[in-house]
Amino acid sequence: MPHILVSAGVTVVSADASALATSQPCGGGALIAGHLSNTTAIYLGGSNSQALCLPSGQVIMLPVSNLKEVYAKTSAGSATVTWLALAGER
Protein backbone atom coordinates (compact mmCIF):
# COMPACT_ATOMS: atom_id res chain seq x y z
CA MET A 1 0.00 0.00 0.00
CA PRO A 2 1.21 3.54 -0.67
CA HIS A 3 2.32 5.92 2.05
CA ILE A 4 0.22 8.99 2.74
CA LEU A 5 1.80 12.46 2.79
CA VAL A 6 1.28 14.12 6.15
CA SER A 7 3.27 17.30 5.72
CA ALA A 8 6.03 18.94 3.71
CA GLY A 9 8.51 21.51 4.87
CA VAL A 10 11.75 23.40 4.45
CA THR A 11 14.37 23.91 7.15
CA VAL A 12 17.48 26.07 6.87
CA VAL A 13 20.36 24.61 8.87
CA SER A 14 23.76 25.97 9.93
CA ALA A 15 26.94 24.62 11.52
CA ASP A 16 25.03 24.23 14.81
CA ALA A 17 22.99 21.02 14.70
CA SER A 18 19.24 21.42 15.12
CA ALA A 19 16.15 19.24 14.73
CA LEU A 20 14.41 19.41 11.35
CA ALA A 21 11.10 20.16 13.09
CA THR A 22 9.93 20.82 16.64
CA SER A 23 7.33 18.07 16.32
CA GLN A 24 6.20 16.47 13.08
CA PRO A 25 4.87 12.91 13.32
CA CYS A 26 5.80 10.66 10.41
CA GLY A 27 4.81 7.08 11.18
CA GLY A 28 5.72 6.06 7.64
CA GLY A 29 9.16 7.68 7.80
CA ALA A 30 10.50 10.81 6.17
CA LEU A 31 12.01 11.73 2.81
CA ILE A 32 14.80 14.26 3.32
CA ALA A 33 16.59 16.12 0.52
CA GLY A 34 19.46 18.54 0.19
CA HIS A 35 18.21 21.49 -1.88
CA LEU A 36 19.78 21.81 -5.35
CA SER A 37 20.98 25.33 -4.61
CA ASN A 38 23.07 24.25 -1.61
CA THR A 39 26.80 24.88 -1.96
CA THR A 40 27.64 22.79 1.10
CA ALA A 41 26.64 19.28 2.19
CA ILE A 42 24.20 18.56 5.01
CA TYR A 43 25.06 16.14 7.79
CA LEU A 44 22.21 14.16 9.35
CA GLY A 45 21.94 12.15 12.54
CA GLY A 46 20.63 12.24 16.08
CA SER A 47 21.06 14.88 18.74
CA ASN A 48 24.60 13.74 19.65
CA SER A 49 26.14 13.05 16.24
CA GLN A 50 25.43 13.99 12.62
CA ALA A 51 27.68 11.82 10.47
CA LEU A 52 25.52 10.94 7.44
CA CYS A 53 26.51 13.23 4.55
CA LEU A 54 23.68 14.37 2.25
CA PRO A 55 25.07 16.28 -0.75
CA SER A 56 23.10 18.86 -2.69
CA GLY A 57 20.32 17.26 -4.73
CA GLN A 58 20.42 13.91 -2.92
CA VAL A 59 17.44 12.32 -1.16
CA ILE A 60 17.25 9.79 1.67
CA MET A 61 14.33 7.93 3.28
CA LEU A 62 14.67 7.60 7.05
CA PRO A 63 12.48 5.27 9.14
CA VAL A 64 11.73 7.74 11.93
CA SER A 65 8.44 8.36 13.73
CA ASN A 66 8.97 12.11 14.22
CA LEU A 67 11.19 14.66 12.48
CA LYS A 68 12.22 16.05 15.87
CA GLU A 69 14.45 12.92 16.04
CA VAL A 70 16.47 14.00 12.98
CA TYR A 71 19.19 16.61 13.48
CA ALA A 72 20.99 18.37 10.66
CA LYS A 73 23.97 20.68 10.29
CA THR A 74 26.49 21.93 7.74
CA SER A 75 30.27 22.04 8.00
CA ALA A 76 30.12 25.82 7.41
CA GLY A 77 27.56 28.40 6.34
CA SER A 78 23.93 27.44 5.86
CA ALA A 79 21.99 25.03 3.67
CA THR A 80 18.36 24.23 2.91
CA VAL A 81 16.79 20.87 3.73
CA THR A 82 13.43 19.92 2.25
CA TRP A 83 11.39 17.12 3.78
CA LEU A 84 8.21 15.10 3.41
CA ALA A 85 6.69 13.48 6.50
CA LEU A 86 4.78 10.32 5.63
CA ALA A 87 2.01 8.57 7.54
CA GLY A 88 1.91 4.79 7.69
CA GLU A 89 0.33 2.66 5.03
CA ARG A 90 -3.44 2.73 4.51
PDB file of N, CA and C in Angstrom:
ATOM      1  N   MET A   1       0.837  -1.181   0.000  1.00  0.00           N
ATOM      2  CA  MET A   1       0.000   0.000   0.000  1.00  0.00           C
ATOM      3  C   MET A   1       0.881   1.244   0.000  1.00  0.00           C
ATOM      4  N   PRO A   2       0.405   2.316  -0.615  1.00  0.00           N
ATOM      5  CA  PRO A   2       1.205   3.545  -0.669  1.00  0.00           C
ATOM      6  C   PRO A   2       1.207   4.281   0.665  1.00  0.00           C
ATOM      7  N   HIS A   3       2.260   5.054   0.876  1.00  0.00           N
ATOM      8  CA  HIS A   3       2.323   5.921   2.046  1.00  0.00           C
ATOM      9  C   HIS A   3       1.474   7.163   1.773  1.00  0.00           C
ATOM     10  N   ILE A   4       1.040   7.796   2.838  1.00  0.00           N
ATOM     11  CA  ILE A   4       0.216   8.993   2.736  1.00  0.00           C
ATOM     12  C   ILE A   4       1.043  10.183   3.207  1.00  0.00           C
ATOM     13  N   LEU A   5       1.077  11.242   2.415  1.00  0.00           N
ATOM     14  CA  LEU A   5       1.795  12.458   2.794  1.00  0.00           C
ATOM     15  C   LEU A   5       1.088  13.133   3.953  1.00  0.00           C
ATOM     16  N   VAL A   6       1.828  13.410   5.005  1.00  0.00           N
ATOM     17  CA  VAL A   6       1.282  14.118   6.153  1.00  0.00           C
ATOM     18  C   VAL A   6       1.586  15.597   6.036  1.00  0.00           C
ATOM     19  N   SER A   7       2.854  15.904   5.754  1.00  0.00           N
ATOM     20  CA  SER A   7       3.265  17.297   5.716  1.00  0.00           C
ATOM     21  C   SER A   7       4.552  17.432   4.916  1.00  0.00           C
ATOM     22  N   ALA A   8       4.787  18.634   4.422  1.00  0.00           N
ATOM     23  CA  ALA A   8       6.027  18.939   3.709  1.00  0.00           C
ATOM     24  C   ALA A   8       6.596  20.212   4.314  1.00  0.00           C
ATOM     25  N   GLY A   9       7.923  20.322   4.293  1.00  0.00           N
ATOM     26  CA  GLY A   9       8.509  21.507   4.872  1.00  0.00           C
ATOM     27  C   GLY A   9       9.911  21.790   4.380  1.00  0.00           C
ATOM     28  N   VAL A  10      10.404  22.942   4.779  1.00  0.00           N
ATOM     29  CA  VAL A  10      11.747  23.401   4.447  1.00  0.00           C
ATOM     30  C   VAL A  10      12.388  23.889   5.738  1.00  0.00           C
ATOM     31  N   THR A  11      13.626  23.473   5.970  1.00  0.00           N
ATOM     32  CA  THR A  11      14.373  23.906   7.149  1.00  0.00           C
ATOM     33  C   THR A  11      15.738  24.393   6.697  1.00  0.00           C
ATOM     34  N   VAL A  12      16.141  25.563   7.151  1.00  0.00           N
ATOM     35  CA  VAL A  12      17.480  26.070   6.875  1.00  0.00           C
ATOM     36  C   VAL A  12      18.346  25.710   8.072  1.00  0.00           C
ATOM     37  N   VAL A  13      19.477  25.042   7.798  1.00  0.00           N
ATOM     38  CA  VAL A  13      20.365  24.606   8.872  1.00  0.00           C
ATOM     39  C   VAL A  13      21.714  25.309   8.761  1.00  0.00           C
ATOM     40  N   SER A  14      22.433  25.331   9.873  1.00  0.00           N
ATOM     41  CA  SER A  14      23.757  25.972   9.928  1.00  0.00           C
ATOM     42  C   SER A  14      24.752  24.980  10.527  1.00  0.00           C
ATOM     43  N   ALA A  15      25.908  25.481  10.938  1.00  0.00           N
ATOM     44  CA  ALA A  15      26.937  24.621  11.518  1.00  0.00           C
ATOM     45  C   ALA A  15      26.561  24.117  12.911  1.00  0.00           C
ATOM     46  N   ASP A  16      25.545  24.703  13.517  1.00  0.00           N
ATOM     47  CA  ASP A  16      25.033  24.230  14.807  1.00  0.00           C
ATOM     48  C   ASP A  16      23.873  23.273  14.544  1.00  0.00           C
ATOM     49  N   ALA A  17      24.019  22.023  14.963  1.00  0.00           N
ATOM     50  CA  ALA A  17      22.986  21.017  14.700  1.00  0.00           C
ATOM     51  C   ALA A  17      21.662  21.402  15.338  1.00  0.00           C
ATOM     52  N   SER A  18      20.585  21.168  14.601  1.00  0.00           N
ATOM     53  CA  SER A  18      19.240  21.417  15.116  1.00  0.00           C
ATOM     54  C   SER A  18      18.283  20.395  14.510  1.00  0.00           C
ATOM     55  N   ALA A  19      17.167  20.166  15.213  1.00  0.00           N
ATOM     56  CA  ALA A  19      16.146  19.238  14.733  1.00  0.00           C
ATOM     57  C   ALA A  19      15.485  19.820  13.484  1.00  0.00           C
ATOM     58  N   LEU A  20      15.074  18.944  12.575  1.00  0.00           N
ATOM     59  CA  LEU A  20      14.414  19.407  11.348  1.00  0.00           C
ATOM     60  C   LEU A  20      13.046  20.012  11.623  1.00  0.00           C
ATOM     61  N   ALA A  21      12.405  19.603  12.712  1.00  0.00           N
ATOM     62  CA  ALA A  21      11.103  20.160  13.087  1.00  0.00           C
ATOM     63  C   ALA A  21      10.946  20.030  14.597  1.00  0.00           C
ATOM     64  N   THR A  22      10.143  20.914  15.196  1.00  0.00           N
ATOM     65  CA  THR A  22       9.927  20.820  16.640  1.00  0.00           C
ATOM     66  C   THR A  22       9.088  19.603  16.987  1.00  0.00           C
ATOM     67  N   SER A  23       8.117  19.289  16.156  1.00  0.00           N
ATOM     68  CA  SER A  23       7.335  18.069  16.318  1.00  0.00           C
ATOM     69  C   SER A  23       6.543  17.839  15.044  1.00  0.00           C
ATOM     70  N   GLN A  24       6.914  16.815  14.305  1.00  0.00           N
ATOM     71  CA  GLN A  24       6.204  16.470  13.076  1.00  0.00           C
ATOM     72  C   GLN A  24       6.136  14.950  12.979  1.00  0.00           C
ATOM     73  N   PRO A  25       5.005  14.361  13.402  1.00  0.00           N
ATOM     74  CA  PRO A  25       4.872  12.909  13.316  1.00  0.00           C
ATOM     75  C   PRO A  25       5.011  12.420  11.878  1.00  0.00           C
ATOM     76  N   CYS A  26       5.647  11.269  11.740  1.00  0.00           N
ATOM     77  CA  CYS A  26       5.796  10.660  10.410  1.00  0.00           C
ATOM     78  C   CYS A  26       5.927   9.146  10.589  1.00  0.00           C
ATOM     79  N   GLY A  27       4.821   8.513  10.919  1.00  0.00           N
ATOM     80  CA  GLY A  27       4.807   7.076  11.183  1.00  0.00           C
ATOM     81  C   GLY A  27       5.280   6.226  10.026  1.00  0.00           C
ATOM     82  N   GLY A  28       5.250   6.782   8.820  1.00  0.00           N
ATOM     83  CA  GLY A  28       5.724   6.064   7.643  1.00  0.00           C
ATOM     84  C   GLY A  28       7.133   6.466   7.252  1.00  0.00           C
ATOM     85  N   GLY A  29       7.814   7.237   8.109  1.00  0.00           N
ATOM     86  CA  GLY A  29       9.165   7.678   7.804  1.00  0.00           C
ATOM     87  C   GLY A  29       9.167   9.060   7.182  1.00  0.00           C
ATOM     88  N   ALA A  30      10.349   9.473   6.741  1.00  0.00           N
ATOM     89  CA  ALA A  30      10.495  10.806   6.166  1.00  0.00           C
ATOM     90  C   ALA A  30      11.458  10.771   4.987  1.00  0.00           C
ATOM     91  N   LEU A  31      11.112  11.495   3.935  1.00  0.00           N
ATOM     92  CA  LEU A  31      12.015  11.730   2.810  1.00  0.00           C
ATOM     93  C   LEU A  31      12.699  13.058   3.061  1.00  0.00           C
ATOM     94  N   ILE A  32      14.024  13.058   3.025  1.00  0.00           N
ATOM     95  CA  ILE A  32      14.802  14.260   3.319  1.00  0.00           C
ATOM     96  C   ILE A  32      15.731  14.521   2.144  1.00  0.00           C
ATOM     97  N   ALA A  33      15.782  15.774   1.686  1.00  0.00           N
ATOM     98  CA  ALA A  33      16.591  16.121   0.519  1.00  0.00           C
ATOM     99  C   ALA A  33      17.433  17.361   0.780  1.00  0.00           C
ATOM    100  N   GLY A  34      18.620  17.348   0.214  1.00  0.00           N
ATOM    101  CA  GLY A  34      19.457  18.540   0.195  1.00  0.00           C
ATOM    102  C   GLY A  34      19.049  19.378  -1.010  1.00  0.00           C
ATOM    103  N   HIS A  35      18.688  20.624  -0.800  1.00  0.00           N
ATOM    104  CA  HIS A  35      18.212  21.488  -1.885  1.00  0.00           C
ATOM    105  C   HIS A  35      19.283  21.630  -2.969  1.00  0.00           C
ATOM    106  N   LEU A  36      18.847  21.703  -4.219  1.00  0.00           N
ATOM    107  CA  LEU A  36      19.779  21.806  -5.352  1.00  0.00           C
ATOM    108  C   LEU A  36      20.660  23.047  -5.308  1.00  0.00           C
ATOM    109  N   SER A  37      20.195  24.103  -4.657  1.00  0.00           N
ATOM    110  CA  SER A  37      20.979  25.333  -4.608  1.00  0.00           C
ATOM    111  C   SER A  37      22.051  25.333  -3.518  1.00  0.00           C
ATOM    112  N   ASN A  38      22.076  24.299  -2.683  1.00  0.00           N
ATOM    113  CA  ASN A  38      23.074  24.251  -1.607  1.00  0.00           C
ATOM    114  C   ASN A  38      24.485  24.182  -2.173  1.00  0.00           C
ATOM    115  N   THR A  39      25.383  24.926  -1.563  1.00  0.00           N
ATOM    116  CA  THR A  39      26.797  24.875  -1.956  1.00  0.00           C
ATOM    117  C   THR A  39      27.628  24.097  -0.946  1.00  0.00           C
ATOM    118  N   THR A  40      26.978  23.604   0.090  1.00  0.00           N
ATOM    119  CA  THR A  40      27.643  22.787   1.104  1.00  0.00           C
ATOM    120  C   THR A  40      26.768  21.587   1.424  1.00  0.00           C
ATOM    121  N   ALA A  41      27.386  20.494   1.845  1.00  0.00           N
ATOM    122  CA  ALA A  41      26.641  19.284   2.186  1.00  0.00           C
ATOM    123  C   ALA A  41      25.943  19.451   3.534  1.00  0.00           C
ATOM    124  N   ILE A  42      24.936  18.624   3.745  1.00  0.00           N
ATOM    125  CA  ILE A  42      24.204  18.562   5.005  1.00  0.00           C
ATOM    126  C   ILE A  42      24.619  17.270   5.695  1.00  0.00           C
ATOM    127  N   TYR A  43      24.732  17.328   7.003  1.00  0.00           N
ATOM    128  CA  TYR A  43      25.057  16.139   7.789  1.00  0.00           C
ATOM    129  C   TYR A  43      23.871  15.830   8.696  1.00  0.00           C
ATOM    130  N   LEU A  44      23.391  14.589   8.612  1.00  0.00           N
ATOM    131  CA  LEU A  44      22.208  14.159   9.352  1.00  0.00           C
ATOM    132  C   LEU A  44      22.578  13.174  10.440  1.00  0.00           C
ATOM    133  N   GLY A  45      21.754  13.122  11.471  1.00  0.00           N
ATOM    134  CA  GLY A  45      21.938  12.150  12.535  1.00  0.00           C
ATOM    135  C   GLY A  45      21.000  12.440  13.683  1.00  0.00           C
ATOM    136  N   GLY A  46      21.405  12.000  14.871  1.00  0.00           N
ATOM    137  CA  GLY A  46      20.634  12.241  16.079  1.00  0.00           C
ATOM    138  C   GLY A  46      21.142  13.489  16.786  1.00  0.00           C
ATOM    139  N   SER A  47      20.694  13.670  18.015  1.00  0.00           N
ATOM    140  CA  SER A  47      21.060  14.877  18.744  1.00  0.00           C
ATOM    141  C   SER A  47      22.538  14.926  19.121  1.00  0.00           C
ATOM    142  N   ASN A  48      23.197  13.765  19.228  1.00  0.00           N
ATOM    143  CA  ASN A  48      24.602  13.739  19.651  1.00  0.00           C
ATOM    144  C   ASN A  48      25.609  13.684  18.515  1.00  0.00           C
ATOM    145  N   SER A  49      25.196  13.202  17.354  1.00  0.00           N
ATOM    146  CA  SER A  49      26.143  13.045  16.245  1.00  0.00           C
ATOM    147  C   SER A  49      25.409  13.134  14.913  1.00  0.00           C
ATOM    148  N   GLN A  50      25.996  13.856  13.970  1.00  0.00           N
ATOM    149  CA  GLN A  50      25.429  13.989  12.623  1.00  0.00           C
ATOM    150  C   GLN A  50      26.529  13.602  11.641  1.00  0.00           C
ATOM    151  N   ALA A  51      26.584  12.333  11.279  1.00  0.00           N
ATOM    152  CA  ALA A  51      27.683  11.817  10.467  1.00  0.00           C
ATOM    153  C   ALA A  51      27.276  11.419   9.050  1.00  0.00           C
ATOM    154  N   LEU A  52      25.983  11.357   8.770  1.00  0.00           N
ATOM    155  CA  LEU A  52      25.519  10.943   7.442  1.00  0.00           C
ATOM    156  C   LEU A  52      25.515  12.142   6.505  1.00  0.00           C
ATOM    157  N   CYS A  53      26.363  12.112   5.494  1.00  0.00           N
ATOM    158  CA  CYS A  53      26.508  13.229   4.551  1.00  0.00           C
ATOM    159  C   CYS A  53      25.432  13.158   3.470  1.00  0.00           C
ATOM    160  N   LEU A  54      24.710  14.255   3.287  1.00  0.00           N
ATOM    161  CA  LEU A  54      23.681  14.366   2.251  1.00  0.00           C
ATOM    162  C   LEU A  54      24.059  15.528   1.331  1.00  0.00           C
ATOM    163  N   PRO A  55      24.676  15.223   0.188  1.00  0.00           N
ATOM    164  CA  PRO A  55      25.073  16.284  -0.747  1.00  0.00           C
ATOM    165  C   PRO A  55      23.868  16.981  -1.383  1.00  0.00           C
ATOM    166  N   SER A  56      24.112  18.105  -1.971  1.00  0.00           N
ATOM    167  CA  SER A  56      23.097  18.860  -2.694  1.00  0.00           C
ATOM    168  C   SER A  56      22.412  17.965  -3.726  1.00  0.00           C
ATOM    169  N   GLY A  57      21.084  18.003  -3.747  1.00  0.00           N
ATOM    170  CA  GLY A  57      20.323  17.256  -4.725  1.00  0.00           C
ATOM    171  C   GLY A  57      20.069  15.801  -4.387  1.00  0.00           C
ATOM    172  N   GLN A  58      20.617  15.309  -3.302  1.00  0.00           N
ATOM    173  CA  GLN A  58      20.419  13.911  -2.917  1.00  0.00           C
ATOM    174  C   GLN A  58      19.236  13.783  -1.965  1.00  0.00           C
ATOM    175  N   VAL A  59      18.616  12.591  -1.985  1.00  0.00           N
ATOM    176  CA  VAL A  59      17.437  12.317  -1.162  1.00  0.00           C
ATOM    177  C   VAL A  59      17.668  11.033  -0.384  1.00  0.00           C
ATOM    178  N   ILE A  60      17.158  10.997   0.853  1.00  0.00           N
ATOM    179  CA  ILE A  60      17.247   9.791   1.666  1.00  0.00           C
ATOM    180  C   ILE A  60      15.906   9.575   2.364  1.00  0.00           C
ATOM    181  N   MET A  61      15.529   8.305   2.520  1.00  0.00           N
ATOM    182  CA  MET A  61      14.334   7.934   3.277  1.00  0.00           C
ATOM    183  C   MET A  61      14.810   7.435   4.634  1.00  0.00           C
ATOM    184  N   LEU A  62      14.300   8.028   5.704  1.00  0.00           N
ATOM    185  CA  LEU A  62      14.672   7.605   7.053  1.00  0.00           C
ATOM    186  C   LEU A  62      13.454   7.047   7.776  1.00  0.00           C
ATOM    187  N   PRO A  63      13.602   5.891   8.426  1.00  0.00           N
ATOM    188  CA  PRO A  63      12.478   5.265   9.137  1.00  0.00           C
ATOM    189  C   PRO A  63      12.313   5.836  10.543  1.00  0.00           C
ATOM    190  N   VAL A  64      11.917   7.085  10.638  1.00  0.00           N
ATOM    191  CA  VAL A  64      11.727   7.743  11.929  1.00  0.00           C
ATOM    192  C   VAL A  64      10.243   7.969  12.160  1.00  0.00           C
ATOM    193  N   SER A  65       9.856   8.130  13.420  1.00  0.00           N
ATOM    194  CA  SER A  65       8.444   8.364  13.731  1.00  0.00           C
ATOM    195  C   SER A  65       8.124   9.845  13.924  1.00  0.00           C
ATOM    196  N   ASN A  66       9.186  10.673  14.063  1.00  0.00           N
ATOM    197  CA  ASN A  66       8.968  12.107  14.223  1.00  0.00           C
ATOM    198  C   ASN A  66      10.215  12.842  13.749  1.00  0.00           C
ATOM    199  N   LEU A  67      10.037  13.913  12.992  1.00  0.00           N
ATOM    200  CA  LEU A  67      11.189  14.664  12.485  1.00  0.00           C
ATOM    201  C   LEU A  67      11.999  15.354  13.574  1.00  0.00           C
ATOM    202  N   LYS A  68      11.448  15.470  14.775  1.00  0.00           N
ATOM    203  CA  LYS A  68      12.224  16.048  15.867  1.00  0.00           C
ATOM    204  C   LYS A  68      13.380  15.130  16.265  1.00  0.00           C
ATOM    205  N   GLU A  69      13.373  13.879  15.779  1.00  0.00           N
ATOM    206  CA  GLU A  69      14.449  12.921  16.043  1.00  0.00           C
ATOM    207  C   GLU A  69      15.634  13.103  15.099  1.00  0.00           C
ATOM    208  N   VAL A  70      15.435  13.833  14.001  1.00  0.00           N
ATOM    209  CA  VAL A  70      16.474  13.999  12.981  1.00  0.00           C
ATOM    210  C   VAL A  70      17.123  15.372  13.135  1.00  0.00           C
ATOM    211  N   TYR A  71      18.429  15.369  13.360  1.00  0.00           N
ATOM    212  CA  TYR A  71      19.190  16.607  13.484  1.00  0.00           C
ATOM    213  C   TYR A  71      20.040  16.803  12.240  1.00  0.00           C
ATOM    214  N   ALA A  72      20.217  18.051  11.857  1.00  0.00           N
ATOM    215  CA  ALA A  72      20.994  18.365  10.659  1.00  0.00           C
ATOM    216  C   ALA A  72      21.911  19.542  10.930  1.00  0.00           C
ATOM    217  N   LYS A  73      23.033  19.561  10.205  1.00  0.00           N
ATOM    218  CA  LYS A  73      23.973  20.680  10.288  1.00  0.00           C
ATOM    219  C   LYS A  73      24.774  20.740   8.998  1.00  0.00           C
ATOM    220  N   THR A  74      25.549  21.799   8.847  1.00  0.00           N
ATOM    221  CA  THR A  74      26.493  21.933   7.741  1.00  0.00           C
ATOM    222  C   THR A  74      27.893  22.001   8.338  1.00  0.00           C
ATOM    223  N   SER A  75      28.904  21.871   7.491  1.00  0.00           N
ATOM    224  CA  SER A  75      30.275  22.042   8.003  1.00  0.00           C
ATOM    225  C   SER A  75      30.601  23.532   8.131  1.00  0.00           C
ATOM    226  N   ALA A  76      29.937  24.367   7.352  1.00  0.00           N
ATOM    227  CA  ALA A  76      30.117  25.825   7.407  1.00  0.00           C
ATOM    228  C   ALA A  76      28.971  26.481   6.652  1.00  0.00           C
ATOM    229  N   GLY A  77      28.621  27.681   7.038  1.00  0.00           N
ATOM    230  CA  GLY A  77      27.559  28.396   6.336  1.00  0.00           C
ATOM    231  C   GLY A  77      26.189  27.805   6.634  1.00  0.00           C
ATOM    232  N   SER A  78      25.290  27.971   5.687  1.00  0.00           N
ATOM    233  CA  SER A  78      23.934  27.440   5.857  1.00  0.00           C
ATOM    234  C   SER A  78      23.523  26.668   4.610  1.00  0.00           C
ATOM    235  N   ALA A  79      22.511  25.830   4.775  1.00  0.00           N
ATOM    236  CA  ALA A  79      21.990  25.025   3.666  1.00  0.00           C
ATOM    237  C   ALA A  79      20.504  24.765   3.908  1.00  0.00           C
ATOM    238  N   THR A  80      19.802  24.469   2.840  1.00  0.00           N
ATOM    239  CA  THR A  80      18.363  24.226   2.906  1.00  0.00           C
ATOM    240  C   THR A  80      18.076  22.736   2.805  1.00  0.00           C
ATOM    241  N   VAL A  81      17.242  22.266   3.733  1.00  0.00           N
ATOM    242  CA  VAL A  81      16.791  20.873   3.734  1.00  0.00           C
ATOM    243  C   VAL A  81      15.296  20.890   3.435  1.00  0.00           C
ATOM    244  N   THR A  82      14.863  20.083   2.493  1.00  0.00           N
ATOM    245  CA  THR A  82      13.432  19.922   2.251  1.00  0.00           C
ATOM    246  C   THR A  82      13.039  18.534   2.742  1.00  0.00           C
ATOM    247  N   TRP A  83      11.820  18.410   3.241  1.00  0.00           N
ATOM    248  CA  TRP A  83      11.390  17.117   3.779  1.00  0.00           C
ATOM    249  C   TRP A  83       9.912  16.863   3.546  1.00  0.00           C
ATOM    250  N   LEU A  84       9.579  15.576   3.486  1.00  0.00           N
ATOM    251  CA  LEU A  84       8.213  15.101   3.410  1.00  0.00           C
ATOM    252  C   LEU A  84       8.009  14.132   4.553  1.00  0.00           C
ATOM    253  N   ALA A  85       7.042  14.386   5.404  1.00  0.00           N
ATOM    254  CA  ALA A  85       6.694  13.480   6.503  1.00  0.00           C
ATOM    255  C   ALA A  85       5.571  12.581   5.999  1.00  0.00           C
ATOM    256  N   LEU A  86       5.738  11.277   6.151  1.00  0.00           N
ATOM    257  CA  LEU A  86       4.775  10.318   5.627  1.00  0.00           C
ATOM    258  C   LEU A  86       4.063   9.591   6.749  1.00  0.00           C
ATOM    259  N   ALA A  87       2.759   9.383   6.586  1.00  0.00           N
ATOM    260  CA  ALA A  87       2.013   8.567   7.540  1.00  0.00           C
ATOM    261  C   ALA A  87       2.240   7.107   7.167  1.00  0.00           C
ATOM    262  N   GLY A  88       1.800   6.216   7.997  1.00  0.00           N
ATOM    263  CA  GLY A  88       1.915   4.795   7.692  1.00  0.00           C
ATOM    264  C   GLY A  88       1.053   4.410   6.519  1.00  0.00           C
ATOM    265  N   GLU A  89       1.114   3.137   6.165  1.00  0.00           N
ATOM    266  CA  GLU A  89       0.329   2.659   5.030  1.00  0.00           C
ATOM    267  C   GLU A  89      -1.148   2.649   5.371  1.00  0.00           C
ATOM    268  N   ARG A  90      -1.975   2.768   4.326  1.00  0.00           N
ATOM    269  CA  ARG A  90      -3.438   2.733   4.507  1.00  0.00           C
ATOM    270  C   ARG A  90      -3.878   1.344   4.850  1.00  0.00           C
TER     271      ARG A  90
END
